[in-house]
Amino acid sequence: MTTNETIWESRPTALITGGSRGIGFELAKQFAQHGHDLILASRNQSELQRAADKLHKDFDCTVTAVSLDLTASDAPETLFSQLQAQAIQVDVLVNNAGLGDYGLFVDSQLDRQLDLLRLNILSLTTLTHLFLKGMIERGNGRVLNVASVVAYFSGGPRWTSYLASKHYVLAFTRGLAKELAGTGVSATVLCPGPTATEFISDAGVGATRVYRWLPKLSPSGVARAGYHATMAGRTTVIPGLINKVLAFLGELPPRVIAQSVFGFLSRGSA
């Protein structure tokens, strides 16, 4: 622990959405090995139970598995009410669950676009609002929102809704972090670049130049960086030097140059 990290009076609990695989599962491992009990929320029941069993076995922590679809409009309130009924206190909220989509917006499936926005924006915002008040009242807590390095670009073709949703997560977390100053609660946004997870196949981005040309980070390395930044109370963390450069370039004026670079890297193979 660094001197800026929270000193917990008792064993804390971390709620991790999308915690059954990829970066979410690696984040769960980080919190478990650093003394946290866990709540994992995910849609796939069998995958979720396997992850919960492994974490309990490997780290001897309490793992509560909650299977629900966070794209449903009432899912965040259902999750909050269920944990309240079980008197489970959430000390760390990790909004990791997210959905990607690649391709021309006009050719996309509208249902998937709306699910993306509900999960990446509305669910994250609702869960943060529900759990934040208790953290502030206790004077102790952490919120970690998982965005992406694409959040630093003002817009990008073929990733239209996904990029916009992650841009929201970055801006939301930055603003929230300022509001929380002096409360004992902090907000952190994790912005990974290309990472070797199921997202590549789920979002259909494997053939793009960015995923073929740039080195892919390991989920464990991304999670480690996210965990330590969260517990140190840092507002933003971008794992990997190349991704830091991309984020810097994305915010440089004129934005049209960054958008052109993004468009080039986001194209698929010829």
Protein backbone atom coordinates (compact mmCIF):
# COMPACT_ATOMS: atom_id res chain seq x y z
CA MET A 1 0.00 0.00 0.00
CA THR A 2 1.11 3.55 -0.67
CA THR A 3 0.63 6.25 1.91
CA ASN A 4 -2.36 7.59 -0.07
CA GLU A 5 -4.30 4.33 0.01
CA THR A 6 -7.34 3.77 2.20
CA ILE A 7 -6.89 2.01 5.53
CA TRP A 8 -9.96 -0.19 5.98
CA GLU A 9 -11.32 -0.83 9.46
CA SER A 10 -12.63 -4.27 8.47
CA ARG A 11 -12.46 -6.56 5.46
CA PRO A 12 -13.89 -4.47 2.58
CA THR A 13 -16.11 -5.66 -0.24
CA ALA A 14 -15.71 -4.86 -3.93
CA LEU A 15 -18.60 -5.10 -6.39
CA ILE A 16 -17.36 -5.82 -9.91
CA THR A 17 -19.74 -5.83 -12.86
CA GLY A 18 -18.69 -8.07 -15.72
CA GLY A 19 -16.36 -9.75 -13.26
CA SER A 20 -16.50 -13.28 -14.66
CA ARG A 21 -13.96 -12.86 -17.47
CA GLY A 22 -11.39 -10.60 -19.12
CA ILE A 23 -10.30 -7.43 -17.36
CA GLY A 24 -13.19 -7.76 -14.90
CA PHE A 25 -12.04 -11.18 -13.71
CA GLU A 26 -8.46 -9.95 -13.39
CA LEU A 27 -9.66 -6.96 -11.38
CA ALA A 28 -11.54 -9.37 -9.12
CA LYS A 29 -8.30 -11.29 -8.57
CA GLN A 30 -6.47 -8.07 -7.69
CA PHE A 31 -9.04 -7.07 -5.09
CA ALA A 32 -9.24 -10.59 -3.68
CA GLN A 33 -5.50 -10.96 -3.22
CA HIS A 34 -5.41 -7.58 -1.50
CA GLY A 35 -7.92 -8.60 1.15
CA HIS A 36 -11.33 -7.82 -0.32
CA ASP A 37 -14.44 -9.93 -0.39
CA LEU A 38 -16.19 -9.87 -3.73
CA ILE A 39 -19.55 -9.44 -5.41
CA LEU A 40 -19.55 -10.44 -9.07
CA ALA A 41 -22.41 -9.35 -11.30
CA SER A 42 -22.64 -10.82 -14.78
CA ARG A 43 -25.19 -12.18 -17.25
CA ASN A 44 -23.78 -15.66 -17.93
CA GLN A 45 -24.77 -17.82 -14.96
CA SER A 46 -22.41 -20.78 -15.57
CA GLU A 47 -19.43 -18.55 -16.42
CA LEU A 48 -20.15 -16.44 -13.36
CA GLN A 49 -20.28 -19.44 -11.02
CA ARG A 50 -17.01 -20.84 -12.38
CA ALA A 51 -15.31 -17.51 -11.76
CA ALA A 52 -16.76 -17.24 -8.26
CA ASP A 53 -15.68 -20.76 -7.32
CA LYS A 54 -12.14 -20.19 -8.58
CA LEU A 55 -11.74 -16.88 -6.75
CA HIS A 56 -13.03 -18.37 -3.51
CA LYS A 57 -10.69 -21.35 -3.83
CA ASP A 58 -7.59 -19.36 -4.83
CA PHE A 59 -7.95 -16.44 -2.39
CA ASP A 60 -10.15 -17.77 0.43
CA CYS A 61 -12.49 -14.81 0.13
CA THR A 62 -16.26 -14.56 0.26
CA VAL A 63 -17.69 -14.31 -3.25
CA THR A 64 -21.32 -13.39 -3.88
CA ALA A 65 -22.38 -14.15 -7.45
CA VAL A 66 -25.35 -12.25 -8.88
CA SER A 67 -26.58 -13.24 -12.33
CA LEU A 68 -28.48 -10.46 -14.11
CA ASP A 69 -28.53 -8.56 -17.38
CA LEU A 70 -27.36 -5.01 -16.71
CA THR A 71 -28.75 -3.83 -20.05
CA ALA A 72 -32.23 -4.16 -18.50
CA SER A 73 -33.49 -0.80 -17.30
CA ASP A 74 -34.32 -2.00 -13.78
CA ALA A 75 -31.21 -4.18 -13.28
CA PRO A 76 -29.08 -1.66 -11.33
CA GLU A 77 -31.89 -1.02 -8.83
CA THR A 78 -32.53 -4.77 -8.56
CA LEU A 79 -28.88 -5.41 -7.76
CA PHE A 80 -28.76 -2.58 -5.23
CA SER A 81 -31.95 -3.76 -3.49
CA GLN A 82 -30.74 -7.36 -3.37
CA LEU A 83 -27.48 -6.39 -1.67
CA GLN A 84 -29.32 -4.07 0.71
CA ALA A 85 -31.64 -6.92 1.69
CA GLN A 86 -28.60 -9.10 2.45
CA ALA A 87 -26.96 -6.27 4.43
CA ILE A 88 -23.90 -6.38 2.16
CA GLN A 89 -21.96 -3.14 2.19
CA VAL A 90 -20.16 -2.13 -1.00
CA ASP A 91 -16.89 -0.34 -0.28
CA VAL A 92 -15.52 -0.41 -3.84
CA LEU A 93 -17.70 -0.19 -6.95
CA VAL A 94 -16.08 -1.35 -10.18
CA ASN A 95 -18.15 -0.53 -13.25
CA ASN A 96 -16.40 -2.83 -15.69
CA ALA A 97 -19.26 -4.38 -17.68
CA GLY A 98 -19.40 -2.97 -21.18
CA LEU A 99 -20.45 -3.71 -24.72
CA GLY A 100 -18.63 -2.91 -27.95
CA ASP A 101 -19.74 -2.67 -31.55
CA TYR A 102 -17.80 -2.13 -34.76
CA GLY A 103 -18.98 -1.09 -38.19
CA LEU A 104 -20.91 1.63 -39.93
CA PHE A 105 -23.64 2.99 -37.66
CA VAL A 106 -26.26 2.97 -40.40
CA ASP A 107 -25.70 -0.76 -40.94
CA SER A 108 -25.74 -1.67 -37.24
CA GLN A 109 -28.51 -3.39 -35.31
CA LEU A 110 -30.44 -0.76 -33.37
CA ASP A 111 -31.13 -3.13 -30.45
CA ARG A 112 -27.39 -3.70 -29.98
CA GLN A 113 -26.70 0.04 -30.15
CA LEU A 114 -29.29 0.71 -27.45
CA ASP A 115 -27.99 -2.14 -25.26
CA LEU A 116 -24.50 -0.65 -25.63
CA LEU A 117 -25.68 2.74 -24.43
CA ARG A 118 -27.72 1.27 -21.56
CA LEU A 119 -24.80 -0.81 -20.32
CA ASN A 120 -21.88 1.54 -20.96
CA ILE A 121 -23.62 4.72 -19.78
CA LEU A 122 -26.96 4.27 -18.01
CA SER A 123 -26.11 1.22 -15.90
CA LEU A 124 -22.75 2.70 -14.88
CA THR A 125 -24.33 6.02 -13.95
CA THR A 126 -27.19 4.43 -12.02
CA LEU A 127 -24.97 2.07 -10.02
CA THR A 128 -22.63 4.90 -9.14
CA HIS A 129 -25.54 7.05 -7.94
CA LEU A 130 -27.02 4.22 -5.87
CA PHE A 131 -23.84 3.17 -4.07
CA LEU A 132 -22.06 6.51 -3.79
CA LYS A 133 -24.26 8.03 -1.09
CA GLY A 134 -23.42 5.28 1.41
CA MET A 135 -19.71 5.66 0.71
CA ILE A 136 -19.86 9.40 1.32
CA GLU A 137 -21.84 8.92 4.54
CA ARG A 138 -19.16 6.50 5.78
CA GLY A 139 -16.38 8.80 4.59
CA ASN A 140 -14.67 5.94 2.77
CA GLY A 141 -14.98 4.29 -0.62
CA ARG A 142 -13.73 3.91 -4.15
CA VAL A 143 -15.37 3.98 -7.59
CA LEU A 144 -13.53 2.55 -10.60
CA ASN A 145 -15.05 3.05 -14.04
CA VAL A 146 -13.55 1.18 -16.98
CA ALA A 147 -13.46 3.28 -20.15
CA SER A 148 -10.98 2.97 -23.02
CA VAL A 149 -8.14 4.90 -24.61
CA VAL A 150 -10.61 5.75 -27.40
CA ALA A 151 -12.34 8.01 -24.87
CA TYR A 152 -9.61 10.59 -25.53
CA PHE A 153 -10.76 11.01 -29.15
CA SER A 154 -13.63 13.37 -29.90
CA GLY A 155 -15.20 10.94 -32.36
CA GLY A 156 -14.30 8.01 -34.54
CA PRO A 157 -15.80 6.24 -37.57
CA ARG A 158 -16.99 2.64 -37.22
CA TRP A 159 -16.91 2.97 -33.42
CA THR A 160 -19.44 5.81 -33.30
CA SER A 161 -21.59 4.83 -30.31
CA TYR A 162 -18.88 2.89 -28.47
CA LEU A 163 -16.41 5.79 -28.59
CA ALA A 164 -19.10 8.26 -27.54
CA SER A 165 -20.06 6.05 -24.59
CA LYS A 166 -16.48 5.79 -23.37
CA HIS A 167 -15.98 9.54 -23.86
CA TYR A 168 -18.91 9.95 -21.48
CA VAL A 169 -17.34 7.61 -18.91
CA LEU A 170 -14.09 9.59 -18.97
CA ALA A 171 -15.80 12.97 -18.63
CA PHE A 172 -18.24 11.68 -15.99
CA THR A 173 -15.46 10.25 -13.83
CA ARG A 174 -13.30 13.35 -14.11
CA GLY A 175 -16.16 15.55 -12.98
CA LEU A 176 -17.17 13.16 -10.21
CA ALA A 177 -13.61 13.00 -8.89
CA LYS A 178 -13.64 16.79 -8.44
CA GLU A 179 -16.95 16.67 -6.60
CA LEU A 180 -15.66 13.98 -4.24
CA ALA A 181 -12.58 15.89 -3.12
CA GLY A 182 -12.37 15.87 0.68
CA THR A 183 -15.09 13.25 1.19
CA GLY A 184 -12.80 10.23 1.68
CA VAL A 185 -14.24 8.74 -1.51
CA SER A 186 -12.47 8.81 -4.88
CA ALA A 187 -13.38 8.11 -8.50
CA THR A 188 -10.93 6.59 -10.98
CA VAL A 189 -11.26 5.89 -14.69
CA LEU A 190 -9.22 3.10 -16.28
CA CYS A 191 -8.51 3.62 -19.99
CA PRO A 192 -6.88 0.53 -21.52
CA GLY A 193 -5.89 0.24 -25.16
CA PRO A 194 -5.96 -3.00 -27.15
CA THR A 195 -6.05 -5.87 -24.65
CA ALA A 196 -6.03 -9.63 -25.20
CA THR A 197 -9.61 -10.34 -24.08
CA GLU A 198 -12.87 -11.67 -25.50
CA PHE A 199 -13.75 -8.10 -26.48
CA ILE A 200 -11.81 -8.62 -29.72
CA SER A 201 -14.21 -11.31 -30.94
CA ASP A 202 -17.32 -9.98 -29.18
CA ALA A 203 -17.03 -6.56 -30.82
CA GLY A 204 -15.67 -7.90 -34.12
CA VAL A 205 -12.53 -5.76 -34.13
CA GLY A 206 -9.86 -8.41 -34.67
CA ALA A 207 -9.19 -7.44 -38.30
CA THR A 208 -8.74 -3.72 -37.62
CA ARG A 209 -5.31 -2.18 -37.99
CA VAL A 210 -5.17 -1.07 -34.38
CA TYR A 211 -5.61 -4.65 -33.16
CA ARG A 212 -3.30 -6.13 -35.80
CA TRP A 213 -0.50 -3.56 -35.55
CA LEU A 214 -0.36 -2.42 -31.93
CA PRO A 215 0.85 -4.67 -29.12
CA LYS A 216 -1.97 -6.00 -26.99
CA LEU A 217 -1.74 -5.60 -23.23
CA SER A 218 -2.39 -8.49 -20.87
CA PRO A 219 -5.64 -8.31 -18.87
CA SER A 220 -3.68 -8.94 -15.67
CA GLY A 221 -1.37 -5.98 -16.33
CA VAL A 222 -4.31 -3.69 -17.06
CA ALA A 223 -6.09 -4.85 -13.90
CA ARG A 224 -3.00 -4.37 -11.76
CA ALA A 225 -2.60 -0.79 -12.98
CA GLY A 226 -6.30 -0.14 -12.41
CA TYR A 227 -6.30 -1.58 -8.91
CA HIS A 228 -3.31 0.41 -7.66
CA ALA A 229 -4.55 3.66 -9.22
CA THR A 230 -7.95 3.15 -7.62
CA MET A 231 -6.62 2.47 -4.16
CA ALA A 232 -4.22 5.41 -4.43
CA GLY A 233 -7.13 7.70 -5.31
CA ARG A 234 -5.85 8.69 -8.75
CA THR A 235 -8.39 10.03 -11.22
CA THR A 236 -7.10 8.53 -14.48
CA VAL A 237 -4.88 5.62 -15.44
CA ILE A 238 -3.78 4.63 -18.96
CA PRO A 239 -1.74 1.40 -18.98
CA GLY A 240 1.03 1.19 -21.55
CA LEU A 241 3.31 3.81 -23.11
CA ILE A 242 1.81 3.58 -26.62
CA ASN A 243 -1.66 4.09 -25.20
CA LYS A 244 -0.51 7.15 -23.25
CA VAL A 245 0.84 8.59 -26.50
CA LEU A 246 -2.44 7.84 -28.29
CA ALA A 247 -4.43 9.52 -25.52
CA PHE A 248 -2.17 12.59 -25.70
CA LEU A 249 -2.55 12.80 -29.48
CA GLY A 250 -6.30 12.34 -29.23
CA GLU A 251 -6.70 15.53 -27.22
CA LEU A 252 -4.37 17.70 -29.31
CA PRO A 253 -5.86 20.33 -31.60
CA PRO A 254 -6.85 20.33 -34.36
CA ARG A 255 -9.08 17.38 -33.54
CA VAL A 256 -9.61 16.60 -37.23
CA ILE A 257 -6.07 15.19 -37.42
CA ALA A 258 -6.67 12.85 -34.48
CA GLN A 259 -9.96 11.77 -36.03
CA SER A 260 -8.20 10.97 -39.31
CA VAL A 261 -5.56 8.91 -37.50
CA PHE A 262 -8.26 7.09 -35.58
CA GLY A 263 -10.18 6.41 -38.78
CA PHE A 264 -7.06 4.95 -40.41
CA LEU A 265 -6.26 2.68 -37.47
CA SER A 266 -9.86 1.53 -37.11
CA ARG A 267 -10.14 0.24 -40.65
CA GLY A 268 -10.16 -3.48 -41.26
CA SER A 269 -7.77 -5.36 -43.49
CA ALA A 270 -7.99 -4.58 -47.19
